[in-house]
PDB file of N, CA and C in Angstrom:
ATOM      1  N   MET A   1      -2.083  -3.146  -0.320  1.00  0.00           N
ATOM      2  CA  MET A   1      -3.243  -2.010  -0.387  1.00  0.00           C
ATOM      3  C   MET A   1      -4.586  -2.742  -1.037  1.00  0.00           C
ATOM      4  N   LYS A   2      -5.497  -2.706  -0.082  1.00  0.00           N
ATOM      5  CA  LYS A   2      -6.907  -3.209  -0.685  1.00  0.00           C
ATOM      6  C   LYS A   2      -7.818  -2.347  -0.828  1.00  0.00           C
ATOM      7  N   TRP A   3      -8.780  -2.423  -1.697  1.00  0.00           N
ATOM      8  CA  TRP A   3      -9.744  -1.361  -2.126  1.00  0.00           C
ATOM      9  C   TRP A   3     -11.150  -1.959  -1.912  1.00  0.00           C
ATOM     10  N   GLU A   4     -12.194  -1.416  -1.929  1.00  0.00           N
ATOM     11  CA  GLU A   4     -13.562  -1.417  -1.719  1.00  0.00           C
ATOM     12  C   GLU A   4     -13.842  -0.689  -2.718  1.00  0.00           C
ATOM     13  N   TYR A   5     -15.181  -1.063  -3.467  1.00  0.00           N
ATOM     14  CA  TYR A   5     -15.732  -0.718  -4.693  1.00  0.00           C
ATOM     15  C   TYR A   5     -17.022  -0.379  -4.391  1.00  0.00           C
ATOM     16  N   LEU A   6     -17.662   0.475  -5.216  1.00  0.00           N
ATOM     17  CA  LEU A   6     -19.210   0.914  -5.527  1.00  0.00           C
ATOM     18  C   LEU A   6     -19.277   1.074  -6.722  1.00  0.00           C
ATOM     19  N   THR A   7     -20.668   0.640  -6.915  1.00  0.00           N
ATOM     20  CA  THR A   7     -21.180   0.693  -8.525  1.00  0.00           C
ATOM     21  C   THR A   7     -22.765   1.372  -8.043  1.00  0.00           C
ATOM     22  N   VAL A   8     -22.766   2.457  -8.830  1.00  0.00           N
ATOM     23  CA  VAL A   8     -24.147   3.119  -8.842  1.00  0.00           C
ATOM     24  C   VAL A   8     -24.806   3.245 -10.412  1.00  0.00           C
ATOM     25  N   GLU A   9     -26.084   2.415 -10.372  1.00  0.00           N
ATOM     26  CA  GLU A   9     -26.703   2.312 -11.499  1.00  0.00           C
ATOM     27  C   GLU A   9     -27.787   3.323 -11.811  1.00  0.00           C
ATOM     28  N   LYS A  10     -27.660   4.573 -11.669  1.00  0.00           N
ATOM     29  CA  LYS A  10     -28.647   5.655 -12.079  1.00  0.00           C
ATOM     30  C   LYS A  10     -27.800   6.911 -12.539  1.00  0.00           C
ATOM     31  N   THR A  11     -28.420   7.858 -13.069  1.00  0.00           N
ATOM     32  CA  THR A  11     -27.599   9.181 -13.526  1.00  0.00           C
ATOM     33  C   THR A  11     -27.136   9.775 -11.992  1.00  0.00           C
ATOM     34  N   LEU A  12     -26.028  10.504 -11.925  1.00  0.00           N
ATOM     35  CA  LEU A  12     -25.881  11.268 -10.793  1.00  0.00           C
ATOM     36  C   LEU A  12     -25.588  12.881 -11.287  1.00  0.00           C
ATOM     37  N   GLN A  13     -25.897  13.553 -10.378  1.00  0.00           N
ATOM     38  CA  GLN A  13     -25.881  14.913 -10.748  1.00  0.00           C
ATOM     39  C   GLN A  13     -24.043  15.332 -10.173  1.00  0.00           C
ATOM     40  N   VAL A  14     -23.776  16.631 -10.636  1.00  0.00           N
ATOM     41  CA  VAL A  14     -22.401  17.184 -10.427  1.00  0.00           C
ATOM     42  C   VAL A  14     -22.169  16.863  -8.612  1.00  0.00           C
ATOM     43  N   ALA A  15     -23.423  17.516  -7.985  1.00  0.00           N
ATOM     44  CA  ALA A  15     -23.381  17.593  -6.417  1.00  0.00           C
ATOM     45  C   ALA A  15     -22.987  16.207  -5.895  1.00  0.00           C
ATOM     46  N   GLN A  16     -23.813  15.244  -6.475  1.00  0.00           N
ATOM     47  CA  GLN A  16     -23.811  13.851  -5.919  1.00  0.00           C
ATOM     48  C   GLN A  16     -22.261  13.260  -6.192  1.00  0.00           C
ATOM     49  N   LEU A  17     -21.863  13.558  -7.213  1.00  0.00           N
ATOM     50  CA  LEU A  17     -20.228  12.915  -7.832  1.00  0.00           C
ATOM     51  C   LEU A  17     -19.261  13.771  -6.768  1.00  0.00           C
ATOM     52  N   ASN A  18     -19.580  15.120  -6.218  1.00  0.00           N
ATOM     53  CA  ASN A  18     -18.705  15.734  -5.394  1.00  0.00           C
ATOM     54  C   ASN A  18     -18.651  15.180  -4.141  1.00  0.00           C
ATOM     55  N   GLU A  19     -19.887  14.446  -3.593  1.00  0.00           N
ATOM     56  CA  GLU A  19     -20.110  14.265  -2.067  1.00  0.00           C
ATOM     57  C   GLU A  19     -19.246  12.948  -1.876  1.00  0.00           C
ATOM     58  N   LEU A  20     -19.694  12.131  -3.220  1.00  0.00           N
ATOM     59  CA  LEU A  20     -18.691  10.859  -3.264  1.00  0.00           C
ATOM     60  C   LEU A  20     -17.285  10.863  -3.273  1.00  0.00           C
ATOM     61  N   GLY A  21     -16.716  11.860  -3.937  1.00  0.00           N
ATOM     62  CA  GLY A  21     -15.420  12.416  -3.861  1.00  0.00           C
ATOM     63  C   GLY A  21     -14.747  12.644  -2.658  1.00  0.00           C
ATOM     64  N   ALA A  22     -15.657  13.884  -1.929  1.00  0.00           N
ATOM     65  CA  ALA A  22     -15.515  14.042  -0.473  1.00  0.00           C
ATOM     66  C   ALA A  22     -15.307  12.791   0.552  1.00  0.00           C
ATOM     67  N   SER A  23     -16.174  11.584   0.253  1.00  0.00           N
ATOM     68  CA  SER A  23     -15.873  10.619   0.924  1.00  0.00           C
ATOM     69  C   SER A  23     -15.059   9.619   0.810  1.00  0.00           C
ATOM     70  N   GLY A  24     -14.078  10.022  -0.209  1.00  0.00           N
ATOM     71  CA  GLY A  24     -12.929   9.269  -0.831  1.00  0.00           C
ATOM     72  C   GLY A  24     -12.847   8.606  -1.913  1.00  0.00           C
ATOM     73  N   TRP A  25     -14.214   8.277  -2.428  1.00  0.00           N
ATOM     74  CA  TRP A  25     -14.533   7.443  -3.729  1.00  0.00           C
ATOM     75  C   TRP A  25     -13.763   7.892  -4.909  1.00  0.00           C
ATOM     76  N   GLU A  26     -13.163   7.323  -5.761  1.00  0.00           N
ATOM     77  CA  GLU A  26     -12.586   7.820  -6.883  1.00  0.00           C
ATOM     78  C   GLU A  26     -13.349   7.509  -8.171  1.00  0.00           C
ATOM     79  N   LEU A  27     -13.852   7.994  -9.303  1.00  0.00           N
ATOM     80  CA  LEU A  27     -14.448   7.477 -10.213  1.00  0.00           C
ATOM     81  C   LEU A  27     -13.302   6.693 -10.931  1.00  0.00           C
ATOM     82  N   VAL A  28     -13.918   5.439 -11.557  1.00  0.00           N
ATOM     83  CA  VAL A  28     -12.874   4.923 -12.392  1.00  0.00           C
ATOM     84  C   VAL A  28     -13.284   4.392 -13.744  1.00  0.00           C
ATOM     85  N   ALA A  29     -14.626   4.456 -14.027  1.00  0.00           N
ATOM     86  CA  ALA A  29     -15.274   4.077 -15.067  1.00  0.00           C
ATOM     87  C   ALA A  29     -16.796   4.403 -15.079  1.00  0.00           C
ATOM     88  N   VAL A  30     -17.166   5.079 -16.174  1.00  0.00           N
ATOM     89  CA  VAL A  30     -18.802   5.218 -16.730  1.00  0.00           C
ATOM     90  C   VAL A  30     -18.917   4.461 -17.653  1.00  0.00           C
ATOM     91  N   VAL A  31     -20.049   3.658 -17.787  1.00  0.00           N
ATOM     92  CA  VAL A  31     -20.650   2.756 -18.786  1.00  0.00           C
ATOM     93  C   VAL A  31     -21.933   3.133 -19.130  1.00  0.00           C
ATOM     94  N   SER A  32     -22.295   3.019 -20.298  1.00  0.00           N
ATOM     95  CA  SER A  32     -23.990   3.207 -20.717  1.00  0.00           C
ATOM     96  C   SER A  32     -24.375   1.970 -21.522  1.00  0.00           C
ATOM     97  N   PRO A  33     -24.698   0.783 -20.539  1.00  0.00           N
ATOM     98  CA  PRO A  33     -25.215  -0.470 -21.225  1.00  0.00           C
ATOM     99  C   PRO A  33     -26.391  -0.189 -22.318  1.00  0.00           C
ATOM    100  N   ALA A  34     -27.308   0.781 -21.993  1.00  0.00           N
ATOM    101  CA  ALA A  34     -28.426   0.975 -22.751  1.00  0.00           C
ATOM    102  C   ALA A  34     -28.600   2.654 -22.870  1.00  0.00           C
ATOM    103  N   HIS A  35     -29.616   3.045 -23.500  1.00  0.00           N
ATOM    104  CA  HIS A  35     -29.692   4.771 -23.854  1.00  0.00           C
ATOM    105  C   HIS A  35     -30.266   5.228 -22.362  1.00  0.00           C
ATOM    106  N   PHE A  36     -29.894   6.378 -22.226  1.00  0.00           N
ATOM    107  CA  PHE A  36     -30.496   7.178 -20.772  1.00  0.00           C
ATOM    108  C   PHE A  36     -30.176   6.188 -19.407  1.00  0.00           C
ATOM    109  N   VAL A  37     -28.890   5.522 -19.281  1.00  0.00           N
ATOM    110  CA  VAL A  37     -28.720   4.571 -18.569  1.00  0.00           C
ATOM    111  C   VAL A  37     -27.278   4.676 -18.212  1.00  0.00           C
ATOM    112  N   LEU A  38     -26.766   5.371 -17.243  1.00  0.00           N
ATOM    113  CA  LEU A  38     -25.276   5.357 -16.508  1.00  0.00           C
ATOM    114  C   LEU A  38     -24.925   4.463 -15.463  1.00  0.00           C
ATOM    115  N   HIS A  39     -23.981   3.625 -15.677  1.00  0.00           N
ATOM    116  CA  HIS A  39     -23.493   2.838 -14.741  1.00  0.00           C
ATOM    117  C   HIS A  39     -22.156   3.374 -14.222  1.00  0.00           C
ATOM    118  N   TYR A  40     -21.999   3.883 -12.786  1.00  0.00           N
ATOM    119  CA  TYR A  40     -20.686   4.439 -12.212  1.00  0.00           C
ATOM    120  C   TYR A  40     -19.742   3.712 -11.586  1.00  0.00           C
ATOM    121  N   PHE A  41     -18.674   3.636 -11.643  1.00  0.00           N
ATOM    122  CA  PHE A  41     -17.813   2.407 -10.941  1.00  0.00           C
ATOM    123  C   PHE A  41     -16.639   3.282 -10.214  1.00  0.00           C
ATOM    124  N   PHE A  42     -16.752   3.244  -8.775  1.00  0.00           N
ATOM    125  CA  PHE A  42     -16.220   3.726  -7.912  1.00  0.00           C
ATOM    126  C   PHE A  42     -15.000   3.087  -7.113  1.00  0.00           C
ATOM    127  N   LYS A  43     -13.820   3.259  -6.779  1.00  0.00           N
ATOM    128  CA  LYS A  43     -12.918   2.740  -5.900  1.00  0.00           C
ATOM    129  C   LYS A  43     -12.237   3.252  -4.485  1.00  0.00           C
ATOM    130  N   ARG A  44     -12.238   3.072  -3.575  1.00  0.00           N
ATOM    131  CA  ARG A  44     -11.591   4.009  -2.561  1.00  0.00           C
ATOM    132  C   ARG A  44     -10.816   2.686  -1.757  1.00  0.00           C
ATOM    133  N   GLN A  45      -9.648   3.177  -1.227  1.00  0.00           N
ATOM    134  CA  GLN A  45      -8.656   2.421  -0.146  1.00  0.00           C
ATOM    135  C   GLN A  45      -9.599   2.064   0.908  1.00  0.00           C
ATOM    136  N   ASN A  46      -9.575   0.895   1.336  1.00  0.00           N
ATOM    137  CA  ASN A  46     -10.085   0.133   2.409  1.00  0.00           C
ATOM    138  C   ASN A  46      -9.012   0.020   3.690  1.00  0.00           C
ATOM    139  N   VAL A  47      -9.567   0.911   4.498  1.00  0.00           N
ATOM    140  CA  VAL A  47      -9.088   1.023   5.724  1.00  0.00           C
ATOM    141  C   VAL A  47      -9.563   0.642   6.693  1.00  0.00           C
ATOM    142  N   PRO A  48      -8.894  -0.543   7.355  1.00  0.00           N
ATOM    143  CA  PRO A  48      -9.523  -1.591   8.510  1.00  0.00           C
ATOM    144  C   PRO A  48      -9.949  -0.624   9.407  1.00  0.00           C
ATOM    145  N   ASP A  49     -11.247  -1.149  10.271  1.00  0.00           N
ATOM    146  CA  ASP A  49     -11.706  -0.348  11.204  1.00  0.00           C
ATOM    147  C   ASP A  49     -11.387  -0.839  12.405  1.00  0.00           C
ATOM    148  N   GLU A  50     -10.628   0.075  13.017  1.00  0.00           N
ATOM    149  CA  GLU A  50      -9.505  -0.126  14.203  1.00  0.00           C
ATOM    150  C   GLU A  50     -10.432  -0.827  15.457  1.00  0.00           C
ATOM    151  N   ASP A  51     -11.984  -0.390  15.228  1.00  0.00           N
ATOM    152  CA  ASP A  51     -12.913  -1.007  16.288  1.00  0.00           C
ATOM    153  C   ASP A  51     -13.141  -2.574  16.369  1.00  0.00           C
ATOM    154  N   ALA A  52     -12.783  -2.997  15.148  1.00  0.00           N
ATOM    155  CA  ALA A  52     -13.282  -4.214  14.638  1.00  0.00           C
ATOM    156  C   ALA A  52     -12.501  -5.323  15.459  1.00  0.00           C
ATOM    157  N   ASN A  53     -11.383  -5.060  16.211  1.00  0.00           N
ATOM    158  CA  ASN A  53     -10.629  -5.911  16.803  1.00  0.00           C
ATOM    159  C   ASN A  53     -11.296  -6.347  18.196  1.00  0.00           C
TER     160      ASN A  53
END
């Protein structure tokens, strides 16, 4: 199984998180390296594009 990853370096609202979840992204970590800054880390299974052949 292969994964693709997404990093978002801005604060997300609940609706934005729900949109990402509906697109198959799973939130795996949230860190705050500085005050008022959140970094979100997402993953989802990488499905090969059938048109790529």
